[in-house]
Amino acid sequence: MSDTTHSEHKSVPLAVSIAAFLILFTILAVFADTFIFILGTIGLVVTFAFYGNESHSDNHH
């Protein structure tokens, strides 16, 4: 069996998260129509905000 547990997280550097967000946002801006752009932007913001809060709280415990 493996010695690693499921509670261990390797955090992604902030620059990588920002780059991923900008790349996905650019893809939405170029290829999506207005409705999908709005929904996709909301989805991106919620997803990255949740991930940011989760990784931020892990560093303080």
C-alpha atoms as a PDB file:
ATOM      1  CA  MET A   1       0.000   0.000   0.000  1.00  0.00           C
ATOM      2  CA  SER A   2       0.950   3.614  -0.356  1.00  0.00           C
ATOM      3  CA  ASP A   3       2.104   5.775   2.555  1.00  0.00           C
ATOM      4  CA  THR A   4       0.332   8.883   1.281  1.00  0.00           C
ATOM      5  CA  THR A   5      -3.036   9.902   2.637  1.00  0.00           C
ATOM      6  CA  HIS A   6      -5.912  11.538   0.818  1.00  0.00           C
ATOM      7  CA  SER A   7      -5.698  14.632   3.007  1.00  0.00           C
ATOM      8  CA  GLU A   8      -2.351  15.745   1.595  1.00  0.00           C
ATOM      9  CA  HIS A   9      -2.594  18.517  -0.996  1.00  0.00           C
ATOM     10  CA  LYS A  10       0.098  19.927  -3.213  1.00  0.00           C
ATOM     11  CA  SER A  11      -0.754  23.547  -3.835  1.00  0.00           C
ATOM     12  CA  VAL A  12      -0.464  25.071  -7.269  1.00  0.00           C
ATOM     13  CA  PRO A  13       1.604  28.273  -7.420  1.00  0.00           C
ATOM     14  CA  LEU A  14      -0.414  31.474  -7.673  1.00  0.00           C
ATOM     15  CA  ALA A  15       1.138  32.365 -11.037  1.00  0.00           C
ATOM     16  CA  VAL A  16      -0.036  29.051 -12.530  1.00  0.00           C
ATOM     17  CA  SER A  17      -3.569  29.617 -11.255  1.00  0.00           C
ATOM     18  CA  ILE A  18      -3.658  33.130 -12.696  1.00  0.00           C
ATOM     19  CA  ALA A  19      -2.258  31.926 -16.028  1.00  0.00           C
ATOM     20  CA  ALA A  20      -4.836  29.118 -16.212  1.00  0.00           C
ATOM     21  CA  PHE A  21      -7.649  31.556 -15.426  1.00  0.00           C
ATOM     22  CA  LEU A  22      -6.483  34.020 -18.085  1.00  0.00           C
ATOM     23  CA  ILE A  23      -6.058  31.293 -20.720  1.00  0.00           C
ATOM     24  CA  LEU A  24      -9.536  29.883 -20.051  1.00  0.00           C
ATOM     25  CA  PHE A  25     -11.032  33.384 -19.975  1.00  0.00           C
ATOM     26  CA  THR A  26      -9.368  34.208 -23.312  1.00  0.00           C
ATOM     27  CA  ILE A  27     -10.703  31.002 -24.865  1.00  0.00           C
ATOM     28  CA  LEU A  28     -14.192  31.960 -23.682  1.00  0.00           C
ATOM     29  CA  ALA A  29     -13.824  35.501 -25.043  1.00  0.00           C
ATOM     30  CA  VAL A  30     -12.666  34.313 -28.475  1.00  0.00           C
ATOM     31  CA  PHE A  31     -14.843  31.256 -29.111  1.00  0.00           C
ATOM     32  CA  ALA A  32     -18.031  31.673 -27.061  1.00  0.00           C
ATOM     33  CA  ASP A  33     -21.142  33.649 -27.848  1.00  0.00           C
ATOM     34  CA  THR A  34     -22.393  36.238 -25.350  1.00  0.00           C
ATOM     35  CA  PHE A  35     -24.593  33.924 -23.274  1.00  0.00           C
ATOM     36  CA  ILE A  36     -21.938  31.213 -22.925  1.00  0.00           C
ATOM     37  CA  PHE A  37     -19.294  33.875 -22.245  1.00  0.00           C
ATOM     38  CA  ILE A  38     -21.330  35.237 -19.327  1.00  0.00           C
ATOM     39  CA  LEU A  39     -22.105  31.793 -17.906  1.00  0.00           C
ATOM     40  CA  GLY A  40     -18.525  30.618 -18.432  1.00  0.00           C
ATOM     41  CA  THR A  41     -17.098  33.703 -16.755  1.00  0.00           C
ATOM     42  CA  ILE A  42     -19.360  33.204 -13.740  1.00  0.00           C
ATOM     43  CA  GLY A  43     -18.345  29.545 -13.614  1.00  0.00           C
ATOM     44  CA  LEU A  44     -14.644  30.392 -13.840  1.00  0.00           C
ATOM     45  CA  VAL A  45     -14.858  33.014 -11.107  1.00  0.00           C
ATOM     46  CA  VAL A  46     -16.810  30.721  -8.762  1.00  0.00           C
ATOM     47  CA  THR A  47     -14.482  27.782  -9.428  1.00  0.00           C
ATOM     48  CA  PHE A  48     -11.278  29.724  -8.934  1.00  0.00           C
ATOM     49  CA  ALA A  49     -12.674  31.587  -5.912  1.00  0.00           C
ATOM     50  CA  PHE A  50     -13.608  28.284  -4.257  1.00  0.00           C
ATOM     51  CA  TYR A  51     -10.191  26.823  -5.062  1.00  0.00           C
ATOM     52  CA  GLY A  52      -8.479  29.956  -3.735  1.00  0.00           C
ATOM     53  CA  ASN A  53     -10.429  29.841  -0.483  1.00  0.00           C
ATOM     54  CA  GLU A  54      -9.766  26.126  -0.070  1.00  0.00           C
ATOM     55  CA  SER A  55      -6.021  26.365  -0.670  1.00  0.00           C
ATOM     56  CA  HIS A  56      -5.783  29.521   1.445  1.00  0.00           C
ATOM     57  CA  SER A  57      -7.468  27.868   4.429  1.00  0.00           C
ATOM     58  CA  ASP A  58      -5.226  24.787   4.091  1.00  0.00           C
ATOM     59  CA  ASN A  59      -2.121  26.930   4.550  1.00  0.00           C
ATOM     60  CA  HIS A  60      -3.360  28.330   7.880  1.00  0.00           C
ATOM     61  CA  HIS A  61      -4.171  25.005   9.569  1.00  0.00           C
END
